[in-house]
C-alpha atoms as a PDB file:
ATOM      1  CA  MET A   1      -0.307  -0.504   0.187  1.00  0.00           C
ATOM      2  CA  GLN A   2       2.146   3.079  -1.338  1.00  0.00           C
ATOM      3  CA  ILE A   3       0.667   5.560   1.675  1.00  0.00           C
ATOM      4  CA  GLU A   4       0.656   8.879  -0.255  1.00  0.00           C
ATOM      5  CA  GLU A   5      -2.119   7.076  -2.527  1.00  0.00           C
ATOM      6  CA  ILE A   6      -4.225   6.244   0.252  1.00  0.00           C
ATOM      7  CA  THR A   7      -6.998   7.711   2.921  1.00  0.00           C
ATOM      8  CA  MET A   8      -6.673   7.599   6.125  1.00  0.00           C
ATOM      9  CA  GLU A   9      -9.494   5.066   6.990  1.00  0.00           C
ATOM     10  CA  GLU A  10      -7.404   3.055   4.017  1.00  0.00           C
ATOM     11  CA  PHE A  11      -4.165   3.532   6.488  1.00  0.00           C
ATOM     12  CA  LYS A  12      -6.473   2.589   9.405  1.00  0.00           C
ATOM     13  CA  LYS A  13      -7.409  -0.402   7.840  1.00  0.00           C
ATOM     14  CA  GLY A  14      -3.483  -1.516   6.768  1.00  0.00           C
ATOM     15  CA  LEU A  15      -3.012  -1.511  10.259  1.00  0.00           C
ATOM     16  CA  LYS A  16      -5.340  -4.493  10.800  1.00  0.00           C
ATOM     17  CA  LYS A  17      -3.488  -6.281   7.968  1.00  0.00           C
ATOM     18  CA  THR A  18       0.253  -5.125   8.674  1.00  0.00           C
ATOM     19  CA  LYS A  19       2.546  -3.169  11.001  1.00  0.00           C
ATOM     20  CA  THR A  20       5.281  -2.899   8.182  1.00  0.00           C
ATOM     21  CA  LEU A  21       6.094   0.177   6.586  1.00  0.00           C
ATOM     22  CA  ILE A  22       9.082  -0.284   3.999  1.00  0.00           C
ATOM     23  CA  ILE A  23      10.758   3.693   3.354  1.00  0.00           C
ATOM     24  CA  PRO A  24      13.071   4.007   0.258  1.00  0.00           C
ATOM     25  CA  TYR A  25      15.612   6.095  -0.288  1.00  0.00           C
ATOM     26  CA  GLY A  26      17.652   7.407  -3.406  1.00  0.00           C
ATOM     27  CA  THR A  27      19.430   9.560  -4.356  1.00  0.00           C
ATOM     28  CA  VAL A  28      20.002  13.038  -6.723  1.00  0.00           C
ATOM     29  CA  GLU A  29      23.055  11.873  -8.254  1.00  0.00           C
ATOM     30  CA  GLU A  30      25.097  11.673 -11.230  1.00  0.00           C
ATOM     31  CA  HIS A  31      25.097   8.831 -13.021  1.00  0.00           C
ATOM     32  CA  GLY A  32      27.331   8.758 -16.043  1.00  0.00           C
ATOM     33  CA  ARG A  33      25.955  10.154 -19.334  1.00  0.00           C
ATOM     34  CA  HIS A  34      23.886   7.191 -19.917  1.00  0.00           C
ATOM     35  CA  LEU A  35      21.566   7.027 -16.534  1.00  0.00           C
ATOM     36  CA  PRO A  36      19.362   9.622 -14.964  1.00  0.00           C
ATOM     37  CA  LEU A  37      20.127  11.724 -11.907  1.00  0.00           C
ATOM     38  CA  SER A  38      17.381  10.046 -10.005  1.00  0.00           C
ATOM     39  CA  THR A  39      18.586   6.016 -10.709  1.00  0.00           C
ATOM     40  CA  ASP A  40      19.266   5.016  -7.254  1.00  0.00           C
ATOM     41  CA  THR A  41      15.594   6.461  -6.102  1.00  0.00           C
ATOM     42  CA  ILE A  42      14.248   4.626  -9.390  1.00  0.00           C
ATOM     43  CA  ILE A  43      15.564   1.285  -8.496  1.00  0.00           C
ATOM     44  CA  ALA A  44      14.400   1.575  -4.883  1.00  0.00           C
ATOM     45  CA  VAL A  45      11.166   2.128  -5.440  1.00  0.00           C
ATOM     46  CA  GLU A  46      10.268  -0.091  -8.740  1.00  0.00           C
ATOM     47  CA  ILE A  47      11.581  -2.749  -6.318  1.00  0.00           C
ATOM     48  CA  LEU A  48       8.986  -1.904  -3.840  1.00  0.00           C
ATOM     49  CA  ARG A  49       6.463  -1.878  -6.036  1.00  0.00           C
ATOM     50  CA  LEU A  50       7.217  -5.450  -7.203  1.00  0.00           C
ATOM     51  CA  VAL A  51       6.906  -5.877  -3.517  1.00  0.00           C
ATOM     52  CA  GLY A  52       4.058  -4.426  -2.503  1.00  0.00           C
ATOM     53  CA  GLU A  53       1.964  -6.378  -5.263  1.00  0.00           C
ATOM     54  CA  ARG A  54       3.188  -9.316  -3.153  1.00  0.00           C
ATOM     55  CA  LYS A  55       3.009  -8.966  -0.092  1.00  0.00           C
ATOM     56  CA  LYS A  56       0.598  -6.495   2.755  1.00  0.00           C
ATOM     57  CA  VAL A  57       2.987  -4.209   3.785  1.00  0.00           C
ATOM     58  CA  PHE A  58       2.989   0.338   3.770  1.00  0.00           C
ATOM     59  CA  ILE A  59       5.636   1.978   1.566  1.00  0.00           C
ATOM     60  CA  ALA A  60       6.513   5.035   2.231  1.00  0.00           C
ATOM     61  CA  PRO A  61       6.912   7.953  -0.902  1.00  0.00           C
ATOM     62  CA  PRO A  62      11.276   7.717  -1.699  1.00  0.00           C
ATOM     63  CA  LEU A  63      13.129  10.491   0.298  1.00  0.00           C
ATOM     64  CA  HIS A  64      15.248  11.433  -3.279  1.00  0.00           C
ATOM     65  CA  TYR A  65      18.335  12.769  -1.331  1.00  0.00           C
ATOM     66  CA  GLY A  66      20.871  11.063   0.012  1.00  0.00           C
ATOM     67  CA  VAL A  67      24.661  11.202   1.413  1.00  0.00           C
ATOM     68  CA  CYS A  68      26.486  11.833  -1.652  1.00  0.00           C
ATOM     69  CA  THR A  69      30.560  12.177  -1.136  1.00  0.00           C
ATOM     70  CA  THR A  70      32.447  11.607  -4.562  1.00  0.00           C
ATOM     71  CA  THR A  71      29.622  12.693  -6.749  1.00  0.00           C
ATOM     72  CA  ARG A  72      28.860  15.959  -4.921  1.00  0.00           C
ATOM     73  CA  LEU A  73      30.878  18.360  -7.003  1.00  0.00           C
ATOM     74  CA  HIS A  74      29.523  16.680 -10.356  1.00  0.00           C
ATOM     75  CA  PRO A  75      26.611  18.403 -12.460  1.00  0.00           C
ATOM     76  CA  GLY A  76      23.097  17.806 -11.296  1.00  0.00           C
ATOM     77  CA  THR A  77      23.887  16.142  -7.802  1.00  0.00           C
ATOM     78  CA  ILE A  78      22.266  17.002  -4.691  1.00  0.00           C
ATOM     79  CA  SER A  79      23.912  15.885  -1.523  1.00  0.00           C
ATOM     80  CA  ILE A  80      22.978  16.141   2.098  1.00  0.00           C
ATOM     81  CA  THR A  81      24.799  15.773   4.860  1.00  0.00           C
ATOM     82  CA  PRO A  82      24.436  12.405   7.168  1.00  0.00           C
ATOM     83  CA  GLU A  83      22.933  14.621  10.004  1.00  0.00           C
ATOM     84  CA  THR A  84      20.103  15.563   7.754  1.00  0.00           C
ATOM     85  CA  LEU A  85      19.738  12.000   6.724  1.00  0.00           C
ATOM     86  CA  ARG A  86      19.860  10.720  10.197  1.00  0.00           C
ATOM     87  CA  ARG A  87      17.279  13.443  11.819  1.00  0.00           C
ATOM     88  CA  ILE A  88      14.585  13.110   9.254  1.00  0.00           C
ATOM     89  CA  THR A  89      14.159   9.173   8.968  1.00  0.00           C
ATOM     90  CA  LEU A  90      14.700   9.826  13.066  1.00  0.00           C
ATOM     91  CA  ASP A  91      11.511  11.185  12.254  1.00  0.00           C
ATOM     92  CA  MET A  92      10.032   9.803   9.773  1.00  0.00           C
ATOM     93  CA  VAL A  93      10.200   6.219  12.449  1.00  0.00           C
ATOM     94  CA  ARG A  94       9.184   8.007  15.773  1.00  0.00           C
ATOM     95  CA  ASP A  95       6.274   9.515  13.665  1.00  0.00           C
ATOM     96  CA  SER A  96       5.313   6.400  12.053  1.00  0.00           C
ATOM     97  CA  PHE A  97       5.655   4.271  15.600  1.00  0.00           C
ATOM     98  CA  ARG A  98       3.398   6.979  17.269  1.00  0.00           C
ATOM     99  CA  LYS A  99       0.355   5.777  14.229  1.00  0.00           C
ATOM    100  CA  GLY A 100       0.646   1.822  14.996  1.00  0.00           C
ATOM    101  CA  ILE A 101       3.591   1.118  12.355  1.00  0.00           C
ATOM    102  CA  LYS A 102       5.910  -1.505  15.162  1.00  0.00           C
ATOM    103  CA  ASN A 103       8.399  -2.812  11.622  1.00  0.00           C
ATOM    104  CA  PHE A 104      10.307  -0.693   9.355  1.00  0.00           C
ATOM    105  CA  MET A 105      12.766  -1.718   6.680  1.00  0.00           C
ATOM    106  CA  LEU A 106      14.629   1.266   5.176  1.00  0.00           C
ATOM    107  CA  ILE A 107      15.907   0.313   1.440  1.00  0.00           C
ATOM    108  CA  SER A 108      18.692   2.039  -0.142  1.00  0.00           C
ATOM    109  CA  GLY A 109      19.045   2.324  -3.656  1.00  0.00           C
ATOM    110  CA  HIS A 110      21.814   4.471  -2.449  1.00  0.00           C
ATOM    111  CA  GLY A 111      24.969   2.259  -1.683  1.00  0.00           C
ATOM    112  CA  GLY A 112      27.129   4.898  -0.472  1.00  0.00           C
ATOM    113  CA  GLY A 113      29.192   4.672   2.720  1.00  0.00           C
ATOM    114  CA  LEU A 114      27.930   7.376   5.238  1.00  0.00           C
ATOM    115  CA  HIS A 115      24.885   7.269   3.390  1.00  0.00           C
ATOM    116  CA  MET A 116      24.245   3.667   4.711  1.00  0.00           C
ATOM    117  CA  ASN A 117      25.978   4.335   7.673  1.00  0.00           C
ATOM    118  CA  ALA A 118      23.640   6.939   8.952  1.00  0.00           C
ATOM    119  CA  LEU A 119      20.848   4.935   8.497  1.00  0.00           C
ATOM    120  CA  LYS A 120      22.446   1.544  10.404  1.00  0.00           C
ATOM    121  CA  GLU A 121      23.082   4.499  12.937  1.00  0.00           C
ATOM    122  CA  VAL A 122      19.611   5.423  13.106  1.00  0.00           C
ATOM    123  CA  ALA A 123      18.334   2.022  12.921  1.00  0.00           C
ATOM    124  CA  GLU A 124      20.647   1.554  16.424  1.00  0.00           C
ATOM    125  CA  ILE A 125      19.377   4.570  18.073  1.00  0.00           C
ATOM    126  CA  LEU A 126      15.541   3.934  17.567  1.00  0.00           C
ATOM    127  CA  VAL A 127      16.162   0.093  18.412  1.00  0.00           C
ATOM    128  CA  GLU A 128      17.571   1.631  21.931  1.00  0.00           C
ATOM    129  CA  GLU A 129      15.000   3.862  22.360  1.00  0.00           C
ATOM    130  CA  ILE A 130      12.085   2.514  21.188  1.00  0.00           C
ATOM    131  CA  LYS A 131      10.581  -0.509  22.882  1.00  0.00           C
ATOM    132  CA  GLY A 132       9.126  -3.093  20.385  1.00  0.00           C
ATOM    133  CA  VAL A 133      10.023  -1.310  17.116  1.00  0.00           C
ATOM    134  CA  ARG A 134      12.280  -3.859  14.660  1.00  0.00           C
ATOM    135  CA  ILE A 135      14.237  -2.259  11.773  1.00  0.00           C
ATOM    136  CA  ALA A 136      16.689  -3.792   9.413  1.00  0.00           C
ATOM    137  CA  VAL A 137      18.515  -1.485   7.200  1.00  0.00           C
ATOM    138  CA  VAL A 138      18.694  -3.190   3.333  1.00  0.00           C
ATOM    139  CA  SER A 139      20.507  -2.565  -0.032  1.00  0.00           C
ATOM    140  CA  PRO A 140      19.578  -4.237  -3.028  1.00  0.00           C
ATOM    141  CA  TYR A 141      23.604  -3.767  -4.386  1.00  0.00           C
ATOM    142  CA  GLU A 142      24.338  -6.061  -1.786  1.00  0.00           C
ATOM    143  CA  LEU A 143      22.386  -8.554  -2.740  1.00  0.00           C
ATOM    144  CA  LEU A 144      22.961  -8.034  -6.186  1.00  0.00           C
ATOM    145  CA  TRP A 145      26.998  -7.447  -6.543  1.00  0.00           C
ATOM    146  CA  LYS A 146      27.122 -11.060  -4.394  1.00  0.00           C
ATOM    147  CA  GLU A 147      25.177 -12.693  -7.123  1.00  0.00           C
ATOM    148  CA  LEU A 148      25.966 -10.834 -10.207  1.00  0.00           C
ATOM    149  CA  SER A 149      29.509 -10.073  -9.645  1.00  0.00           C
ATOM    150  CA  GLY A 150      30.818 -13.539 -11.253  1.00  0.00           C
ATOM    151  CA  ILE A 151      28.409 -13.189 -14.542  1.00  0.00           C
ATOM    152  CA  ALA A 152      29.540  -8.926 -15.013  1.00  0.00           C
ATOM    153  CA  GLU A 153      31.977  -8.800 -17.680  1.00  0.00           C
ATOM    154  CA  THR A 154      33.405  -5.581 -15.821  1.00  0.00           C
ATOM    155  CA  GLU A 155      35.704  -6.382 -13.110  1.00  0.00           C
ATOM    156  CA  ASN A 156      35.395  -4.827  -9.545  1.00  0.00           C
ATOM    157  CA  ASP A 157      32.125  -2.811 -11.409  1.00  0.00           C
ATOM    158  CA  SER A 158      30.550  -0.231  -8.993  1.00  0.00           C
ATOM    159  CA  HIS A 159      27.887   2.786  -9.550  1.00  0.00           C
ATOM    160  CA  ALA A 160      26.671   3.294 -12.841  1.00  0.00           C
ATOM    161  CA  GLY A 161      28.547   0.379 -14.233  1.00  0.00           C
ATOM    162  CA  GLU A 162      27.149  -3.083 -16.314  1.00  0.00           C
ATOM    163  CA  ILE A 163      25.265  -4.559 -12.785  1.00  0.00           C
ATOM    164  CA  GLU A 164      23.617  -1.199 -12.381  1.00  0.00           C
ATOM    165  CA  THR A 165      22.877   0.375 -15.621  1.00  0.00           C
ATOM    166  CA  SER A 166      21.336  -3.405 -16.512  1.00  0.00           C
ATOM    167  CA  VAL A 167      19.128  -3.354 -13.562  1.00  0.00           C
ATOM    168  CA  MET A 168      18.002   0.245 -14.896  1.00  0.00           C
ATOM    169  CA  LEU A 169      17.210  -1.833 -18.707  1.00  0.00           C
ATOM    170  CA  ALA A 170      15.531  -4.483 -16.904  1.00  0.00           C
ATOM    171  CA  LEU A 171      13.276  -2.247 -14.515  1.00  0.00           C
ATOM    172  CA  ARG A 172      12.891   1.096 -17.028  1.00  0.00           C
ATOM    173  CA  PRO A 173      13.780  -0.063 -20.875  1.00  0.00           C
ATOM    174  CA  GLU A 174      12.642   3.037 -22.324  1.00  0.00           C
END
């Protein structure tokens, strides 16, 4: 259930079926000359669209901004600080918990080190702070690189490379 597309009554009914909220994270960041700036967001959102078709979960609107270190000076990249990412995520999870959500998955289409560390720090803070909260931080890339690195032709493939480009072509062939 896409939260931004349901009414508050539908949300209340949904809480009877699930207490899980998945929050997608992406970036506005350069991805070479061939991929859109929103590649990380698109990947997270499209993966969660598929999840939403199979599982009864709430899916939050994506957070389009992330911590971009090596690409922050490139044209079009909009980076936020780790502190900003931590604060907005803490606010989102705390508020959602007050409304009945107990389980959270933070799914990041952006795999930058400082970005992922900020999300992991949030998870640690919240588990200490809120009794009964369950939270996981997941990057699809961790799974993809393990599974696909053996068949990728590009050695040490990474940002905007063969695997990320292939995922985008599979999700958005246009």
